[in-house]
């Protein structure tokens, strides 16, 4: 589906009808493919939560992405002005100005932006390169359940405006207590699930919710599966990895 090119500068917004979400992760996959999202990163992630007891159980889903906040904490935290708000309301990144220090990541309450000493800050920008060609963001186009409603908030006939006209009174933003004024709204999500969204660090890339389906926690306990040993090839002696005990050591 293509978006109608507005005559004036648009104000891009999104509304998600979470009651329709089937937890297929098509949005996450489409996002990674379309934007070449780095390994161990997600711009879009779907959270799970199971409630009830068999046979009366329910699984809820919560797709998350950058909220394109009007009062963006990441923008205010960036010391090099690498993060800026464009005229259409989308929060964007100038990679040439990024200092790789991650102040933006620590400031974001939605786990939506990531940066460390080796990486340039990375986040959702509503697929701005697609918008330039009158195309929907990849997540919107790919979703098989019609969860995402995206468009120009200034256009009363845009999918976003039509959805908000009908369901606006039933929508909420995530973590309203953060006062960031998100441009992304949700209809029908379980408010308790907001506890799963990490604050001050990116979405956990390891669990993908398999081990945390029944837990309202933002962090997956990573188990160390491999213990590397250092081999001294000159003396043919294997040295124990840091934090391990060698045979014969005192208990």
Protein backbone atom coordinates (compact mmCIF):
# COMPACT_ATOMS: atom_id res chain seq x y z
CA UNK A 1 0.00 0.00 0.00
CA UNK A 2 1.24 3.51 -0.78
CA UNK A 3 0.66 6.63 1.25
CA UNK A 4 -0.84 9.73 -0.32
CA UNK A 5 1.75 12.46 -0.68
CA UNK A 6 0.45 15.50 1.22
CA UNK A 7 0.44 18.98 -0.28
CA UNK A 8 2.01 20.42 2.88
CA UNK A 9 4.53 19.10 5.39
CA UNK A 10 2.94 16.02 6.97
CA UNK A 11 2.85 15.08 10.63
CA UNK A 12 3.44 11.34 10.58
CA UNK A 13 1.81 9.32 13.36
CA UNK A 14 0.90 5.71 14.03
CA UNK A 15 -1.82 3.87 15.93
CA UNK A 16 -1.70 0.15 16.72
CA UNK A 17 -4.80 -1.97 17.21
CA UNK A 18 -3.20 -4.51 19.52
CA UNK A 19 -6.39 -6.55 19.79
CA UNK A 20 -5.66 -7.70 16.24
CA UNK A 21 -2.01 -8.67 16.86
CA UNK A 22 -1.27 -12.41 16.43
CA UNK A 23 2.36 -12.26 17.58
CA UNK A 24 3.80 -13.37 14.25
CA UNK A 25 6.82 -11.01 14.39
CA UNK A 26 6.42 -10.10 10.73
CA UNK A 27 6.92 -6.44 11.71
CA UNK A 28 10.22 -7.18 13.45
CA UNK A 29 11.56 -9.23 10.55
CA UNK A 30 10.43 -6.76 7.90
CA UNK A 31 12.07 -3.94 9.85
CA UNK A 32 15.41 -5.73 10.11
CA UNK A 33 15.43 -6.64 6.42
CA UNK A 34 14.31 -3.25 5.14
CA UNK A 35 16.69 -1.21 7.30
CA UNK A 36 19.69 -3.55 7.58
CA UNK A 37 19.34 -3.50 11.35
CA UNK A 38 22.58 -4.77 12.96
CA UNK A 39 22.77 -8.23 14.45
CA UNK A 40 21.64 -8.41 18.09
CA UNK A 41 19.46 -5.34 17.55
CA UNK A 42 15.75 -4.84 17.03
CA UNK A 43 14.10 -1.59 16.05
CA UNK A 44 10.73 -3.27 16.43
CA UNK A 45 10.02 -6.01 18.96
CA UNK A 46 6.86 -7.88 19.96
CA UNK A 47 6.45 -8.68 23.65
CA UNK A 48 4.40 -11.62 24.98
CA UNK A 49 2.47 -12.10 28.21
CA UNK A 50 0.48 -15.17 29.26
CA UNK A 51 -2.30 -14.87 31.85
CA UNK A 52 -4.82 -17.23 33.42
CA UNK A 53 -4.69 -20.95 34.17
CA UNK A 54 -5.46 -23.84 31.89
CA UNK A 55 -7.92 -24.20 30.31
CA UNK A 56 -8.74 -20.49 30.62
CA UNK A 57 -5.56 -18.84 29.39
CA UNK A 58 -4.78 -15.85 27.25
CA UNK A 59 -1.69 -14.62 25.46
CA UNK A 60 -1.35 -10.88 24.93
CA UNK A 61 1.05 -9.18 22.52
CA UNK A 62 2.66 -5.75 22.48
CA UNK A 63 4.53 -4.61 19.35
CA UNK A 64 6.98 -1.84 20.18
CA UNK A 65 9.04 0.62 18.17
CA UNK A 66 10.35 4.17 18.46
CA UNK A 67 7.56 6.40 19.75
CA UNK A 68 8.82 9.46 17.80
CA UNK A 69 8.30 11.50 20.96
CA UNK A 70 7.45 15.18 20.66
CA UNK A 71 9.58 15.73 23.78
CA UNK A 72 12.25 13.15 22.94
CA UNK A 73 14.60 12.24 25.83
CA UNK A 74 17.20 10.81 23.41
CA UNK A 75 17.40 14.11 21.53
CA UNK A 76 17.89 16.10 24.72
CA UNK A 77 20.52 13.66 26.02
CA UNK A 78 22.70 13.64 22.90
CA UNK A 79 25.71 15.93 23.54
CA UNK A 80 26.74 16.16 19.87
CA UNK A 81 23.32 17.07 18.40
CA UNK A 82 23.39 13.93 16.30
CA UNK A 83 19.71 13.36 17.05
CA UNK A 84 17.22 15.84 15.68
CA UNK A 85 13.52 16.22 14.91
CA UNK A 86 12.58 16.72 11.27
CA UNK A 87 9.72 18.93 10.15
CA UNK A 88 7.43 15.91 9.80
CA UNK A 89 7.90 15.03 13.49
CA UNK A 90 10.18 12.03 12.98
CA UNK A 91 13.21 11.78 15.26
CA UNK A 92 16.26 11.11 13.09
CA UNK A 93 19.99 10.51 13.53
CA UNK A 94 22.97 12.12 11.79
CA UNK A 95 25.52 9.25 11.94
CA UNK A 96 28.43 11.59 11.23
CA UNK A 97 27.81 13.41 14.50
CA UNK A 98 27.27 10.34 16.72
CA UNK A 99 29.85 10.01 19.50
CA UNK A 100 29.11 6.29 20.12
CA UNK A 101 28.79 6.90 23.87
CA UNK A 102 25.17 5.83 24.31
CA UNK A 103 23.70 8.74 26.27
CA UNK A 104 20.64 8.43 24.04
CA UNK A 105 20.15 4.78 24.98
CA UNK A 106 20.27 5.55 28.69
CA UNK A 107 17.69 8.31 28.26
CA UNK A 108 15.10 6.35 26.27
CA UNK A 109 12.26 4.86 28.35
CA UNK A 110 11.14 2.58 25.51
CA UNK A 111 14.28 0.58 24.67
CA UNK A 112 14.00 2.02 21.17
CA UNK A 113 17.49 3.36 20.51
CA UNK A 114 20.83 1.64 20.93
CA UNK A 115 24.42 2.78 20.85
CA UNK A 116 27.68 1.56 22.33
CA UNK A 117 31.36 2.36 21.90
CA UNK A 118 31.47 0.53 18.57
CA UNK A 119 28.12 1.43 17.00
CA UNK A 120 26.33 4.47 15.67
CA UNK A 121 22.99 5.12 17.33
CA UNK A 122 20.23 3.14 15.59
CA UNK A 123 16.44 3.44 15.81
CA UNK A 124 13.17 3.37 13.89
CA UNK A 125 12.46 6.41 11.73
CA UNK A 126 9.14 5.23 10.27
CA UNK A 127 11.14 4.04 7.22
CA UNK A 128 11.67 7.62 6.07
CA UNK A 129 13.37 6.42 2.90
CA UNK A 130 10.11 4.69 1.95
CA UNK A 131 7.98 7.70 2.84
CA UNK A 132 10.02 9.71 0.35
CA UNK A 133 8.59 7.43 -2.36
CA UNK A 134 5.02 7.50 -1.00
CA UNK A 135 5.35 4.03 0.52
CA UNK A 136 4.23 2.83 3.95
CA UNK A 137 6.81 1.81 6.58
CA UNK A 138 7.84 -1.83 6.18
CA UNK A 139 6.07 -2.93 9.36
CA UNK A 140 2.79 -1.40 8.21
CA UNK A 141 2.97 -2.97 4.77
CA UNK A 142 3.97 -6.41 6.07
CA UNK A 143 1.55 -6.88 8.99
CA UNK A 144 -1.01 -9.56 7.99
CA UNK A 145 -3.48 -8.60 10.73
CA UNK A 146 -3.95 -4.89 9.99
CA UNK A 147 -2.51 -3.87 13.36
CA UNK A 148 -0.64 -0.77 12.18
CA UNK A 149 -2.51 2.36 11.12
CA UNK A 150 -0.10 4.95 9.79
CA UNK A 151 -0.47 8.30 8.11
CA UNK A 152 -0.43 12.07 8.16
CA UNK A 153 -2.23 13.37 11.24
CA UNK A 154 -2.97 16.57 9.30
CA UNK A 155 -4.88 14.62 6.66
CA UNK A 156 -8.36 13.63 7.92
CA UNK A 157 -8.52 10.87 5.28
CA UNK A 158 -5.24 9.18 6.18
CA UNK A 159 -5.41 5.67 7.70
CA UNK A 160 -4.15 7.07 11.00
CA UNK A 161 -6.76 9.85 11.13
CA UNK A 162 -9.60 7.54 10.15
CA UNK A 163 -8.61 5.06 12.84
CA UNK A 164 -8.33 7.77 15.49
CA UNK A 165 -11.68 9.23 14.49
CA UNK A 166 -13.27 5.88 15.18
CA UNK A 167 -11.20 4.57 18.09
CA UNK A 168 -9.24 7.56 19.41
CA UNK A 169 -11.08 7.56 22.73
CA UNK A 170 -9.95 3.97 23.29
CA UNK A 171 -6.25 4.58 22.60
CA UNK A 172 -3.41 5.20 25.02
CA UNK A 173 0.30 5.93 24.77
CA UNK A 174 2.89 3.73 26.45
CA UNK A 175 4.37 4.90 29.75
CA UNK A 176 2.46 8.22 29.92
CA UNK A 177 4.20 8.95 33.21
CA UNK A 178 7.41 9.65 31.22
CA UNK A 179 5.75 12.73 29.67
CA UNK A 180 7.48 12.25 26.32
CA UNK A 181 4.34 12.89 24.22
CA UNK A 182 4.65 9.86 21.92
CA UNK A 183 3.42 9.97 18.33
CA UNK A 184 2.48 6.29 18.55
CA UNK A 185 -0.80 5.25 20.20
CA UNK A 186 -2.18 1.85 21.19
CA UNK A 187 -5.67 0.40 21.35
CA UNK A 188 -6.38 -2.62 23.55
CA UNK A 189 -2.93 -3.30 25.00
CA UNK A 190 -2.46 -4.72 28.50
CA UNK A 191 -1.06 -1.79 30.45
CA UNK A 192 0.80 -4.15 32.79
CA UNK A 193 2.92 -5.27 29.83
CA UNK A 194 4.59 -1.87 29.73
CA UNK A 195 6.79 -3.20 32.55
CA UNK A 196 8.42 -5.50 30.01
CA UNK A 197 9.79 -2.61 27.97
CA UNK A 198 13.31 -1.79 29.21
CA UNK A 199 14.26 1.73 30.18
CA UNK A 200 17.80 2.94 29.56
CA UNK A 201 18.88 0.09 27.30
CA UNK A 202 17.81 -1.55 24.06
CA UNK A 203 15.37 -4.43 23.67
CA UNK A 204 16.97 -7.68 24.83
CA UNK A 205 18.06 -9.57 21.68
CA UNK A 206 18.58 -12.94 23.36
CA UNK A 207 15.24 -14.11 24.70
CA UNK A 208 12.78 -13.01 22.04
CA UNK A 209 10.21 -13.74 24.73
CA UNK A 210 10.44 -17.54 24.62
CA UNK A 211 11.72 -17.85 28.19
CA UNK A 212 9.78 -14.86 29.52
CA UNK A 213 6.27 -15.49 28.24
CA UNK A 214 4.82 -15.53 31.75
CA UNK A 215 7.02 -12.89 33.35
CA UNK A 216 6.54 -9.15 33.51
CA UNK A 217 10.21 -8.26 33.50
CA UNK A 218 12.28 -6.23 31.04
CA UNK A 219 15.45 -8.31 31.29
CA UNK A 220 16.10 -11.89 30.30
CA UNK A 221 18.68 -13.62 32.57
CA UNK A 222 21.41 -14.58 30.13
CA UNK A 223 23.14 -17.85 31.00
CA UNK A 224 26.75 -18.15 29.99
CA UNK A 225 26.77 -21.12 27.66
CA UNK A 226 30.47 -21.12 26.72
CA UNK A 227 33.48 -20.74 29.02
CA UNK A 228 36.53 -19.90 26.96
CA UNK A 229 39.98 -21.06 28.07
CA UNK A 230 43.23 -19.35 27.18
CA UNK A 231 45.89 -21.65 25.76
CA UNK A 232 49.56 -20.82 26.18
CA UNK A 233 51.00 -22.40 23.02
CA UNK A 234 54.61 -21.81 24.12
CA UNK A 235 54.33 -23.94 27.26
CA UNK A 236 51.47 -26.18 26.14
CA UNK A 237 49.54 -25.20 29.28
CA UNK A 238 45.83 -24.47 29.34
CA UNK A 239 44.96 -21.56 31.59
CA UNK A 240 41.56 -21.35 33.23
CA UNK A 241 39.21 -18.63 32.14
CA UNK A 242 38.79 -15.72 34.56
CA UNK A 243 36.52 -16.56 37.46
CA UNK A 244 37.00 -20.35 37.21
CA UNK A 245 39.01 -22.67 39.46
CA UNK A 246 41.78 -24.92 38.26
CA UNK A 247 42.06 -28.51 39.36
CA UNK A 248 43.70 -28.69 42.75
CA UNK A 249 42.66 -25.18 43.84
CA UNK A 250 41.38 -24.81 47.35
CA UNK A 251 37.60 -24.64 47.70
